[in-house]
N, C-alpha and C. Protein backbone atom coordinates (compact mmCIF):
# COMPACT_ATOMS: atom_id res chain seq x y z
N MET A 1 71.44 -25.21 -64.50
CA MET A 1 71.74 -26.63 -64.42
C MET A 1 71.67 -27.27 -65.80
N ARG A 2 70.64 -26.95 -66.56
CA ARG A 2 70.50 -27.51 -67.91
C ARG A 2 71.70 -27.14 -68.77
N PHE A 3 72.18 -25.87 -68.63
CA PHE A 3 73.34 -25.44 -69.40
C PHE A 3 74.54 -26.31 -69.08
N PHE A 4 74.73 -26.62 -67.78
CA PHE A 4 75.85 -27.45 -67.38
C PHE A 4 75.73 -28.83 -68.00
N CYS A 5 74.55 -29.42 -67.97
CA CYS A 5 74.35 -30.74 -68.54
C CYS A 5 74.64 -30.72 -70.04
N LEU A 6 74.16 -29.70 -70.74
CA LEU A 6 74.41 -29.58 -72.16
C LEU A 6 75.90 -29.39 -72.42
N ALA A 7 76.55 -28.57 -71.59
CA ALA A 7 77.99 -28.33 -71.76
C ALA A 7 78.76 -29.63 -71.59
N LEU A 8 78.39 -30.44 -70.59
CA LEU A 8 79.08 -31.72 -70.40
C LEU A 8 78.81 -32.66 -71.57
N LEU A 9 77.59 -32.67 -72.05
CA LEU A 9 77.26 -33.53 -73.17
C LEU A 9 78.09 -33.16 -74.38
N LEU A 10 78.18 -31.87 -74.67
CA LEU A 10 78.96 -31.42 -75.81
C LEU A 10 80.44 -31.67 -75.60
N LEU A 11 80.89 -31.51 -74.38
CA LEU A 11 82.30 -31.70 -74.07
C LEU A 11 82.71 -33.15 -74.23
N PHE A 12 81.90 -34.09 -73.77
CA PHE A 12 82.28 -35.48 -73.76
C PHE A 12 81.68 -36.30 -74.88
N ASN A 13 80.75 -35.76 -75.60
CA ASN A 13 80.08 -36.52 -76.65
C ASN A 13 80.19 -35.72 -77.93
N SER A 14 81.38 -35.64 -78.46
CA SER A 14 81.68 -34.71 -79.55
C SER A 14 80.99 -35.12 -80.85
N CYS A 15 79.69 -35.01 -80.85
CA CYS A 15 78.93 -35.47 -82.01
C CYS A 15 79.14 -34.58 -83.22
N THR A 16 79.58 -33.36 -83.08
CA THR A 16 79.83 -32.54 -84.25
C THR A 16 81.02 -33.05 -85.03
N GLU A 17 81.96 -33.71 -84.37
CA GLU A 17 83.12 -34.24 -85.06
C GLU A 17 82.77 -35.45 -85.91
N ASP A 18 81.75 -36.18 -85.53
CA ASP A 18 81.46 -37.39 -86.28
C ASP A 18 80.17 -37.26 -87.08
N HIS A 19 79.72 -36.05 -87.31
CA HIS A 19 78.56 -35.81 -88.16
C HIS A 19 78.91 -36.24 -89.58
N PRO A 20 78.08 -37.06 -90.19
CA PRO A 20 78.36 -37.49 -91.55
C PRO A 20 78.47 -36.30 -92.49
N SER A 21 79.35 -36.44 -93.43
CA SER A 21 79.64 -35.37 -94.38
C SER A 21 78.42 -34.96 -95.19
N ASN A 22 78.25 -33.65 -95.34
CA ASN A 22 77.13 -33.12 -96.11
C ASN A 22 77.17 -33.59 -97.56
N ASP A 23 78.36 -33.66 -98.15
CA ASP A 23 78.45 -34.00 -99.56
C ASP A 23 78.18 -35.47 -99.83
N ASN A 24 78.06 -36.28 -98.80
CA ASN A 24 77.70 -37.68 -98.98
C ASN A 24 76.21 -37.92 -98.84
N GLY A 25 75.42 -36.86 -98.64
CA GLY A 25 73.98 -37.01 -98.55
C GLY A 25 73.49 -37.59 -97.25
N TRP A 26 74.25 -37.41 -96.17
CA TRP A 26 73.90 -38.03 -94.89
C TRP A 26 73.07 -37.14 -93.99
N ASP A 27 72.83 -35.89 -94.37
CA ASP A 27 72.12 -34.98 -93.48
C ASP A 27 70.77 -35.53 -93.03
N GLU A 28 70.00 -36.06 -93.96
CA GLU A 28 68.68 -36.59 -93.61
C GLU A 28 68.81 -37.79 -92.68
N GLU A 29 69.74 -38.69 -92.95
CA GLU A 29 69.93 -39.84 -92.08
C GLU A 29 70.46 -39.41 -90.72
N TRP A 30 71.33 -38.40 -90.70
CA TRP A 30 71.84 -37.87 -89.44
C TRP A 30 70.69 -37.32 -88.60
N GLU A 31 69.79 -36.56 -89.22
CA GLU A 31 68.65 -36.00 -88.50
C GLU A 31 67.75 -37.12 -87.97
N THR A 32 67.56 -38.16 -88.75
CA THR A 32 66.76 -39.31 -88.30
C THR A 32 67.43 -39.97 -87.10
N TYR A 33 68.73 -40.16 -87.20
CA TYR A 33 69.50 -40.77 -86.11
C TYR A 33 69.34 -39.95 -84.82
N ILE A 34 69.53 -38.64 -84.91
CA ILE A 34 69.42 -37.76 -83.75
C ILE A 34 67.99 -37.80 -83.20
N SER A 35 67.01 -37.79 -84.07
CA SER A 35 65.61 -37.80 -83.65
C SER A 35 65.25 -39.09 -82.92
N ILE A 36 65.61 -40.21 -83.50
CA ILE A 36 65.24 -41.51 -82.90
C ILE A 36 65.96 -41.71 -81.57
N ALA A 37 67.26 -41.49 -81.54
CA ALA A 37 68.02 -41.68 -80.29
C ALA A 37 67.61 -40.65 -79.24
N GLY A 38 67.43 -39.40 -79.67
CA GLY A 38 67.09 -38.33 -78.74
C GLY A 38 65.72 -38.49 -78.11
N GLN A 39 64.74 -38.93 -78.90
CA GLN A 39 63.40 -39.14 -78.35
C GLN A 39 63.34 -40.35 -77.45
N ALA A 40 64.04 -41.40 -77.83
CA ALA A 40 63.98 -42.65 -77.07
C ALA A 40 64.63 -42.51 -75.70
N ILE A 41 65.65 -41.68 -75.58
CA ILE A 41 66.38 -41.59 -74.32
C ILE A 41 65.49 -41.12 -73.17
N TYR A 42 64.48 -40.33 -73.47
CA TYR A 42 63.58 -39.84 -72.41
C TYR A 42 62.20 -40.47 -72.48
N SER A 43 62.04 -41.46 -73.33
CA SER A 43 60.74 -42.11 -73.48
C SER A 43 60.45 -43.03 -72.29
N SER A 44 59.19 -43.16 -71.96
CA SER A 44 58.80 -44.12 -70.93
C SER A 44 58.36 -45.44 -71.57
N ASP A 45 58.33 -45.47 -72.89
CA ASP A 45 57.92 -46.65 -73.66
C ASP A 45 59.15 -47.51 -73.96
N MET A 46 59.29 -48.61 -73.22
CA MET A 46 60.45 -49.47 -73.38
C MET A 46 60.56 -50.05 -74.78
N SER A 47 59.45 -50.27 -75.45
CA SER A 47 59.51 -50.80 -76.82
C SER A 47 60.11 -49.76 -77.77
N GLU A 48 59.84 -48.47 -77.52
CA GLU A 48 60.44 -47.41 -78.33
C GLU A 48 61.96 -47.38 -78.13
N ILE A 49 62.39 -47.60 -76.89
CA ILE A 49 63.82 -47.62 -76.59
C ILE A 49 64.47 -48.83 -77.27
N GLU A 50 63.81 -49.99 -77.19
CA GLU A 50 64.34 -51.20 -77.84
C GLU A 50 64.45 -51.01 -79.35
N LYS A 51 63.44 -50.35 -79.95
CA LYS A 51 63.49 -50.09 -81.39
C LYS A 51 64.64 -49.15 -81.73
N ALA A 52 64.89 -48.19 -80.87
CA ALA A 52 66.00 -47.26 -81.10
C ALA A 52 67.34 -48.00 -81.04
N VAL A 53 67.48 -48.94 -80.09
CA VAL A 53 68.71 -49.75 -80.00
C VAL A 53 68.88 -50.55 -81.28
N GLU A 54 67.81 -51.16 -81.76
CA GLU A 54 67.87 -51.92 -83.02
C GLU A 54 68.27 -51.01 -84.18
N TYR A 55 67.71 -49.80 -84.21
CA TYR A 55 68.05 -48.84 -85.25
C TYR A 55 69.54 -48.51 -85.21
N LEU A 56 70.07 -48.24 -84.01
CA LEU A 56 71.49 -47.92 -83.87
C LEU A 56 72.36 -49.11 -84.25
N ASP A 57 71.93 -50.32 -83.89
CA ASP A 57 72.67 -51.52 -84.30
C ASP A 57 72.77 -51.60 -85.82
N GLY A 58 71.68 -51.25 -86.51
CA GLY A 58 71.68 -51.26 -87.97
C GLY A 58 72.67 -50.26 -88.54
N ILE A 59 72.73 -49.08 -87.94
CA ILE A 59 73.69 -48.07 -88.40
C ILE A 59 75.12 -48.52 -88.12
N ILE A 60 75.34 -49.08 -86.95
CA ILE A 60 76.69 -49.55 -86.59
C ILE A 60 77.14 -50.61 -87.60
N GLU A 61 76.25 -51.52 -87.92
CA GLU A 61 76.58 -52.59 -88.86
C GLU A 61 76.86 -52.03 -90.25
N LYS A 62 76.06 -51.04 -90.66
CA LYS A 62 76.17 -50.48 -92.02
C LYS A 62 77.26 -49.41 -92.12
N ASP A 63 77.22 -48.43 -91.24
CA ASP A 63 78.08 -47.25 -91.36
C ASP A 63 78.58 -46.75 -90.02
N GLY A 64 78.85 -47.63 -89.09
CA GLY A 64 79.24 -47.22 -87.75
C GLY A 64 80.44 -46.31 -87.68
N GLU A 65 81.38 -46.48 -88.60
CA GLU A 65 82.59 -45.66 -88.56
C GLU A 65 82.29 -44.19 -88.78
N LYS A 66 81.19 -43.86 -89.43
CA LYS A 66 80.83 -42.46 -89.66
C LYS A 66 80.36 -41.80 -88.36
N TYR A 67 79.91 -42.58 -87.40
CA TYR A 67 79.37 -42.06 -86.15
C TYR A 67 80.22 -42.50 -84.96
N ILE A 68 81.43 -42.87 -85.20
CA ILE A 68 82.24 -43.59 -84.21
C ILE A 68 82.26 -42.94 -82.83
N ASN A 69 82.28 -41.63 -82.74
CA ASN A 69 82.40 -40.99 -81.43
C ASN A 69 81.12 -40.99 -80.61
N SER A 70 79.98 -40.98 -81.25
CA SER A 70 78.75 -40.83 -80.47
C SER A 70 77.82 -42.02 -80.48
N ILE A 71 77.86 -42.82 -81.50
CA ILE A 71 76.82 -43.87 -81.61
C ILE A 71 76.91 -44.88 -80.47
N TYR A 72 78.11 -45.22 -80.05
CA TYR A 72 78.24 -46.20 -78.97
C TYR A 72 77.76 -45.62 -77.64
N TYR A 73 78.02 -44.35 -77.43
CA TYR A 73 77.54 -43.70 -76.20
C TYR A 73 76.01 -43.60 -76.23
N ASP A 74 75.47 -43.21 -77.37
CA ASP A 74 74.01 -43.12 -77.49
C ASP A 74 73.37 -44.48 -77.23
N LYS A 75 73.95 -45.52 -77.83
CA LYS A 75 73.42 -46.87 -77.62
C LYS A 75 73.55 -47.28 -76.15
N ALA A 76 74.68 -46.95 -75.53
CA ALA A 76 74.88 -47.29 -74.13
C ALA A 76 73.84 -46.62 -73.24
N GLN A 77 73.51 -45.36 -73.53
CA GLN A 77 72.49 -44.67 -72.76
C GLN A 77 71.14 -45.38 -72.88
N LEU A 78 70.81 -45.82 -74.08
CA LEU A 78 69.54 -46.53 -74.28
C LEU A 78 69.54 -47.87 -73.56
N LEU A 79 70.66 -48.58 -73.62
CA LEU A 79 70.76 -49.85 -72.90
C LEU A 79 70.62 -49.64 -71.39
N PHE A 80 71.20 -48.55 -70.88
CA PHE A 80 71.04 -48.20 -69.48
C PHE A 80 69.56 -48.02 -69.14
N ARG A 81 68.84 -47.32 -70.00
CA ARG A 81 67.41 -47.11 -69.79
C ARG A 81 66.65 -48.42 -69.74
N LEU A 82 67.15 -49.43 -70.47
CA LEU A 82 66.52 -50.75 -70.48
C LEU A 82 66.98 -51.61 -69.31
N GLY A 83 67.86 -51.07 -68.47
CA GLY A 83 68.37 -51.83 -67.33
C GLY A 83 69.49 -52.80 -67.70
N LYS A 84 70.06 -52.65 -68.89
CA LYS A 84 71.13 -53.53 -69.36
C LYS A 84 72.48 -52.84 -69.14
N ASN A 85 72.82 -52.65 -67.87
CA ASN A 85 73.99 -51.85 -67.51
C ASN A 85 75.31 -52.48 -67.95
N THR A 86 75.44 -53.79 -67.79
CA THR A 86 76.67 -54.46 -68.19
C THR A 86 76.86 -54.36 -69.70
N GLU A 87 75.78 -54.53 -70.43
CA GLU A 87 75.83 -54.40 -71.89
C GLU A 87 76.16 -52.95 -72.28
N ALA A 88 75.63 -51.99 -71.54
CA ALA A 88 75.93 -50.58 -71.81
C ALA A 88 77.42 -50.31 -71.63
N LEU A 89 78.00 -50.85 -70.57
CA LEU A 89 79.43 -50.68 -70.31
C LEU A 89 80.25 -51.31 -71.44
N GLY A 90 79.87 -52.50 -71.86
CA GLY A 90 80.55 -53.17 -72.97
C GLY A 90 80.46 -52.38 -74.27
N THR A 91 79.33 -51.73 -74.48
CA THR A 91 79.14 -50.92 -75.68
C THR A 91 80.10 -49.74 -75.68
N LEU A 92 80.28 -49.08 -74.54
CA LEU A 92 81.23 -47.96 -74.45
C LEU A 92 82.65 -48.42 -74.75
N ASN A 93 82.97 -49.64 -74.37
CA ASN A 93 84.32 -50.16 -74.61
C ASN A 93 84.61 -50.34 -76.09
N LYS A 94 83.59 -50.38 -76.93
CA LYS A 94 83.77 -50.55 -78.37
C LYS A 94 84.13 -49.25 -79.07
N SER A 95 83.90 -48.13 -78.41
CA SER A 95 84.16 -46.83 -79.01
C SER A 95 85.66 -46.51 -79.00
N GLU A 96 86.10 -45.80 -80.03
CA GLU A 96 87.49 -45.34 -80.05
C GLU A 96 87.66 -44.09 -79.19
N PHE A 97 86.57 -43.45 -78.83
CA PHE A 97 86.61 -42.24 -78.02
C PHE A 97 86.78 -42.63 -76.55
N ASN A 98 87.45 -41.81 -75.76
CA ASN A 98 87.67 -42.10 -74.36
C ASN A 98 86.43 -41.70 -73.55
N TYR A 99 85.69 -42.68 -73.11
CA TYR A 99 84.51 -42.47 -72.27
C TYR A 99 84.76 -42.90 -70.83
N ASP A 100 86.00 -42.76 -70.35
CA ASP A 100 86.31 -43.23 -68.99
C ASP A 100 85.47 -42.56 -67.92
N LEU A 101 85.19 -41.26 -68.06
CA LEU A 101 84.37 -40.60 -67.05
C LEU A 101 82.94 -41.13 -67.07
N GLN A 102 82.38 -41.33 -68.26
CA GLN A 102 81.03 -41.87 -68.35
C GLN A 102 80.99 -43.31 -67.85
N LYS A 103 82.03 -44.09 -68.16
CA LYS A 103 82.11 -45.47 -67.65
C LYS A 103 82.15 -45.46 -66.12
N ALA A 104 82.97 -44.56 -65.57
CA ALA A 104 83.06 -44.46 -64.10
C ALA A 104 81.70 -44.10 -63.52
N GLY A 105 81.00 -43.18 -64.15
CA GLY A 105 79.66 -42.81 -63.69
C GLY A 105 78.71 -43.98 -63.70
N LEU A 106 78.75 -44.76 -64.78
CA LEU A 106 77.89 -45.93 -64.87
C LEU A 106 78.26 -46.96 -63.80
N LEU A 107 79.54 -47.17 -63.61
CA LEU A 107 79.97 -48.10 -62.56
C LEU A 107 79.49 -47.65 -61.18
N ILE A 108 79.53 -46.35 -60.93
CA ILE A 108 79.02 -45.82 -59.65
C ILE A 108 77.53 -46.13 -59.52
N LEU A 109 76.78 -45.90 -60.58
CA LEU A 109 75.34 -46.20 -60.55
C LEU A 109 75.08 -47.69 -60.36
N MET A 110 76.00 -48.52 -60.83
CA MET A 110 75.88 -49.97 -60.68
C MET A 110 76.36 -50.45 -59.31
N GLY A 111 76.92 -49.51 -58.51
CA GLY A 111 77.41 -49.87 -57.18
C GLY A 111 78.83 -50.40 -57.19
N ASN A 112 79.53 -50.27 -58.30
CA ASN A 112 80.89 -50.77 -58.42
C ASN A 112 81.87 -49.61 -58.27
N ASN A 113 81.96 -49.08 -57.07
CA ASN A 113 82.80 -47.91 -56.80
C ASN A 113 84.29 -48.20 -56.95
N GLU A 114 84.70 -49.41 -56.66
CA GLU A 114 86.13 -49.75 -56.74
C GLU A 114 86.64 -49.63 -58.18
N ASP A 115 85.94 -50.23 -59.13
CA ASP A 115 86.35 -50.12 -60.53
C ASP A 115 86.20 -48.70 -61.05
N ALA A 116 85.19 -47.98 -60.56
CA ALA A 116 85.03 -46.58 -60.95
C ALA A 116 86.24 -45.77 -60.51
N GLN A 117 86.71 -46.01 -59.28
CA GLN A 117 87.88 -45.28 -58.78
C GLN A 117 89.12 -45.57 -59.60
N ILE A 118 89.27 -46.80 -60.04
CA ILE A 118 90.42 -47.16 -60.88
C ILE A 118 90.40 -46.35 -62.18
N LEU A 119 89.23 -46.27 -62.81
CA LEU A 119 89.10 -45.47 -64.04
C LEU A 119 89.36 -43.99 -63.76
N LEU A 120 88.80 -43.48 -62.68
CA LEU A 120 88.97 -42.08 -62.34
C LEU A 120 90.44 -41.75 -62.02
N ASP A 121 91.13 -42.65 -61.32
CA ASP A 121 92.54 -42.43 -61.01
C ASP A 121 93.37 -42.34 -62.29
N GLY A 122 93.15 -43.27 -63.20
CA GLY A 122 93.89 -43.26 -64.46
C GLY A 122 93.60 -42.02 -65.29
N PHE A 123 92.32 -41.68 -65.35
CA PHE A 123 91.94 -40.49 -66.12
C PHE A 123 92.56 -39.24 -65.52
N LEU A 124 92.46 -39.09 -64.19
CA LEU A 124 92.95 -37.90 -63.52
C LEU A 124 94.46 -37.74 -63.69
N SER A 125 95.20 -38.82 -63.55
CA SER A 125 96.64 -38.77 -63.69
C SER A 125 97.04 -38.26 -65.08
N ALA A 126 96.44 -38.82 -66.11
CA ALA A 126 96.73 -38.39 -67.48
C ALA A 126 96.27 -36.95 -67.72
N TYR A 127 95.12 -36.61 -67.16
CA TYR A 127 94.56 -35.27 -67.39
C TYR A 127 95.42 -34.19 -66.74
N ILE A 128 95.87 -34.43 -65.52
CA ILE A 128 96.71 -33.46 -64.82
C ILE A 128 98.02 -33.26 -65.58
N ARG A 129 98.58 -34.34 -66.12
CA ARG A 129 99.80 -34.19 -66.92
C ARG A 129 99.55 -33.26 -68.10
N GLY A 130 98.40 -33.40 -68.74
CA GLY A 130 98.05 -32.54 -69.86
C GLY A 130 97.84 -31.09 -69.43
N VAL A 131 97.17 -30.90 -68.31
CA VAL A 131 96.91 -29.55 -67.81
C VAL A 131 98.23 -28.85 -67.44
N ASN A 132 99.18 -29.62 -66.92
CA ASN A 132 100.47 -29.03 -66.54
C ASN A 132 101.20 -28.41 -67.73
N SER A 133 100.94 -28.93 -68.91
CA SER A 133 101.62 -28.39 -70.09
C SER A 133 100.77 -27.37 -70.85
N THR A 134 99.60 -27.04 -70.32
CA THR A 134 98.70 -26.10 -70.97
C THR A 134 99.05 -24.67 -70.58
N LYS A 135 99.10 -23.80 -71.58
CA LYS A 135 99.42 -22.39 -71.29
C LYS A 135 98.19 -21.61 -70.84
N LYS A 136 97.04 -21.94 -71.37
CA LYS A 136 95.81 -21.22 -71.02
C LYS A 136 94.79 -22.20 -70.44
N ILE A 137 94.33 -21.92 -69.26
CA ILE A 137 93.32 -22.76 -68.63
C ILE A 137 91.94 -22.33 -69.13
N GLU A 138 91.24 -23.28 -69.73
CA GLU A 138 89.89 -23.04 -70.25
C GLU A 138 88.87 -23.46 -69.19
N GLU A 139 87.65 -22.97 -69.34
CA GLU A 139 86.58 -23.36 -68.42
C GLU A 139 86.34 -24.87 -68.49
N SER A 140 86.56 -25.47 -69.65
CA SER A 140 86.36 -26.91 -69.78
C SER A 140 87.36 -27.69 -68.92
N HIS A 141 88.58 -27.19 -68.77
CA HIS A 141 89.55 -27.85 -67.88
C HIS A 141 89.02 -27.88 -66.45
N VAL A 142 88.51 -26.76 -66.02
CA VAL A 142 87.96 -26.65 -64.67
C VAL A 142 86.77 -27.59 -64.51
N GLY A 143 85.88 -27.60 -65.50
CA GLY A 143 84.69 -28.44 -65.44
C GLY A 143 85.01 -29.92 -65.34
N ILE A 144 85.98 -30.36 -66.11
CA ILE A 144 86.35 -31.78 -66.06
C ILE A 144 86.90 -32.14 -64.68
N LEU A 145 87.71 -31.28 -64.11
CA LEU A 145 88.26 -31.57 -62.78
C LEU A 145 87.18 -31.54 -61.70
N VAL A 146 86.19 -30.67 -61.86
CA VAL A 146 85.05 -30.66 -60.93
C VAL A 146 84.31 -32.00 -61.02
N VAL A 147 84.09 -32.47 -62.23
CA VAL A 147 83.41 -33.76 -62.43
C VAL A 147 84.19 -34.87 -61.74
N VAL A 148 85.50 -34.92 -61.94
CA VAL A 148 86.32 -35.96 -61.30
C VAL A 148 86.21 -35.85 -59.79
N SER A 149 86.22 -34.64 -59.26
CA SER A 149 86.09 -34.45 -57.82
C SER A 149 84.78 -35.02 -57.30
N PHE A 150 83.69 -34.67 -57.95
CA PHE A 150 82.38 -35.15 -57.49
C PHE A 150 82.25 -36.66 -57.62
N LEU A 151 82.69 -37.22 -58.74
CA LEU A 151 82.54 -38.66 -58.94
C LEU A 151 83.44 -39.46 -58.01
N SER A 152 84.64 -38.94 -57.75
CA SER A 152 85.60 -39.70 -56.93
C SER A 152 85.43 -39.46 -55.44
N GLY A 153 84.68 -38.40 -55.08
CA GLY A 153 84.53 -38.08 -53.67
C GLY A 153 85.75 -37.38 -53.09
N ARG A 154 86.63 -36.91 -53.95
CA ARG A 154 87.83 -36.22 -53.50
C ARG A 154 87.59 -34.72 -53.41
N SER A 155 88.34 -34.09 -52.51
CA SER A 155 88.26 -32.63 -52.42
C SER A 155 88.93 -32.03 -53.65
N PHE A 156 88.67 -30.75 -53.88
CA PHE A 156 89.30 -30.06 -55.00
C PHE A 156 90.83 -30.07 -54.86
N ASP A 157 91.31 -29.88 -53.63
CA ASP A 157 92.76 -29.91 -53.40
C ASP A 157 93.34 -31.28 -53.74
N GLU A 158 92.63 -32.34 -53.38
CA GLU A 158 93.11 -33.69 -53.69
C GLU A 158 93.14 -33.93 -55.20
N VAL A 159 92.12 -33.46 -55.90
CA VAL A 159 92.06 -33.62 -57.35
C VAL A 159 93.22 -32.88 -58.01
N LEU A 160 93.60 -31.77 -57.43
CA LEU A 160 94.65 -30.94 -58.02
C LEU A 160 96.06 -31.37 -57.61
N GLN A 161 96.20 -32.44 -56.83
CA GLN A 161 97.53 -32.92 -56.47
C GLN A 161 98.30 -33.23 -57.75
N GLY A 162 99.52 -32.79 -57.81
CA GLY A 162 100.33 -33.01 -59.00
C GLY A 162 100.19 -31.89 -60.02
N ASN A 163 99.23 -30.98 -59.79
CA ASN A 163 99.05 -29.84 -60.68
C ASN A 163 100.18 -28.83 -60.45
N ARG A 164 100.90 -28.52 -61.52
CA ARG A 164 101.97 -27.53 -61.42
C ARG A 164 101.61 -26.26 -62.19
N ASN A 165 100.40 -26.21 -62.72
CA ASN A 165 99.97 -25.04 -63.48
C ASN A 165 99.42 -24.01 -62.50
N ARG A 166 100.13 -22.93 -62.31
CA ARG A 166 99.76 -21.92 -61.31
C ARG A 166 98.45 -21.19 -61.66
N LYS A 167 97.99 -21.37 -62.88
CA LYS A 167 96.75 -20.69 -63.30
C LYS A 167 95.51 -21.47 -62.88
N LEU A 168 95.70 -22.66 -62.34
CA LEU A 168 94.59 -23.52 -61.95
C LEU A 168 94.64 -23.77 -60.46
N ASN A 169 93.51 -23.51 -59.77
CA ASN A 169 93.50 -23.69 -58.32
C ASN A 169 92.11 -24.12 -57.83
N ALA A 170 92.05 -24.52 -56.57
CA ALA A 170 90.81 -25.03 -55.98
C ALA A 170 89.69 -23.98 -55.98
N LYS A 171 90.04 -22.72 -55.83
CA LYS A 171 89.01 -21.66 -55.84
C LYS A 171 88.28 -21.64 -57.18
N MET A 172 89.01 -21.86 -58.26
CA MET A 172 88.37 -21.90 -59.58
C MET A 172 87.36 -23.03 -59.65
N LEU A 173 87.70 -24.18 -59.09
CA LEU A 173 86.80 -25.33 -59.09
C LEU A 173 85.56 -25.05 -58.24
N ARG A 174 85.76 -24.43 -57.07
CA ARG A 174 84.62 -24.09 -56.20
C ARG A 174 83.70 -23.09 -56.91
N ASP A 175 84.29 -22.06 -57.53
CA ASP A 175 83.49 -21.05 -58.23
C ASP A 175 82.69 -21.67 -59.38
N TYR A 176 83.30 -22.58 -60.11
CA TYR A 176 82.64 -23.26 -61.22
C TYR A 176 81.44 -24.07 -60.71
N THR A 177 81.66 -24.76 -59.60
CA THR A 177 80.59 -25.57 -58.99
C THR A 177 79.39 -24.72 -58.61
N ILE A 178 79.66 -23.56 -58.02
CA ILE A 178 78.59 -22.64 -57.62
C ILE A 178 77.90 -22.06 -58.85
N LYS A 179 78.69 -21.63 -59.81
CA LYS A 179 78.14 -21.00 -61.03
C LYS A 179 77.14 -21.92 -61.73
N PHE A 180 77.48 -23.21 -61.84
CA PHE A 180 76.63 -24.14 -62.57
C PHE A 180 75.78 -25.04 -61.69
N GLU A 181 75.81 -24.80 -60.37
CA GLU A 181 75.00 -25.57 -59.41
C GLU A 181 75.20 -27.07 -59.61
N ILE A 182 76.43 -27.48 -59.63
CA ILE A 182 76.77 -28.87 -59.94
C ILE A 182 76.58 -29.75 -58.71
N THR A 183 76.03 -30.92 -58.96
CA THR A 183 75.94 -31.98 -57.95
C THR A 183 76.35 -33.29 -58.62
N LYS A 184 76.71 -34.24 -57.81
CA LYS A 184 77.06 -35.56 -58.34
C LYS A 184 75.86 -36.15 -59.09
N GLU A 185 74.69 -36.01 -58.52
CA GLU A 185 73.47 -36.54 -59.15
C GLU A 185 73.25 -35.90 -60.53
N ALA A 186 73.46 -34.60 -60.63
CA ALA A 186 73.27 -33.91 -61.91
C ALA A 186 74.25 -34.42 -62.96
N ILE A 187 75.48 -34.67 -62.55
CA ILE A 187 76.48 -35.20 -63.47
C ILE A 187 76.05 -36.57 -63.96
N LEU A 188 75.71 -37.44 -63.03
CA LEU A 188 75.32 -38.81 -63.41
C LEU A 188 74.09 -38.83 -64.30
N ARG A 189 73.10 -37.99 -63.99
CA ARG A 189 71.86 -37.98 -64.79
C ARG A 189 72.04 -37.29 -66.14
N SER A 190 73.04 -36.42 -66.25
CA SER A 190 73.29 -35.82 -67.57
C SER A 190 73.89 -36.85 -68.52
N TRP A 191 74.63 -37.80 -67.97
CA TRP A 191 75.22 -38.85 -68.80
C TRP A 191 74.33 -40.08 -68.90
N TRP A 192 73.62 -40.38 -67.83
CA TRP A 192 72.80 -41.60 -67.76
C TRP A 192 71.38 -41.23 -67.35
N PRO A 193 70.62 -40.64 -68.28
CA PRO A 193 69.25 -40.18 -67.96
C PRO A 193 68.35 -41.34 -67.53
N ASP A 194 67.52 -41.04 -66.56
CA ASP A 194 66.59 -42.06 -66.07
C ASP A 194 65.23 -41.96 -66.74
N GLY A 195 65.10 -41.05 -67.69
CA GLY A 195 63.84 -40.89 -68.40
C GLY A 195 62.87 -39.94 -67.74
N GLN A 196 63.25 -39.42 -66.57
CA GLN A 196 62.36 -38.53 -65.84
C GLN A 196 62.63 -37.06 -66.14
N SER A 197 63.71 -36.77 -66.86
CA SER A 197 64.10 -35.37 -67.11
C SER A 197 63.32 -34.77 -68.25
């Protein structure tokens, strides 16, 4: 289960792409950023989480473009921990990276299933078009479709409607689910930790 959560985090939070350049001397600041945000996300001390949000705000103001793909998601996770769900959603909207699945997950946790479904429908439609033109189906393709299935409440066959890639089928999605012991709760908690993990 932990491997699945880590795989989803790496898949959707491409922090290696936005790691500050080594030749600019950012390694130490990057390590500090990872340490502060990473520790605060599972902290039970709300003041530590608030300090981490302030720290991230300072980075965004100073050098946010260097962390563009992950800093807004990291901040949104911390805001979620503080119970500031609407603010967390707004923070994700500031990112240039597509966080539609994470937004849908947050909306589900907020009880706003209708808006979550709208995001999931748009994401799925675009994603299936991309998969149809793919020559090789990767495990990540299967994983993303499993996530959409669980979040949307759709069967694997329903998620695959419009799929014309013969290399991708519902059995692959079922096998992936079993292999990684995926549940809707695990998906949501991997993106929106409650501090208990």
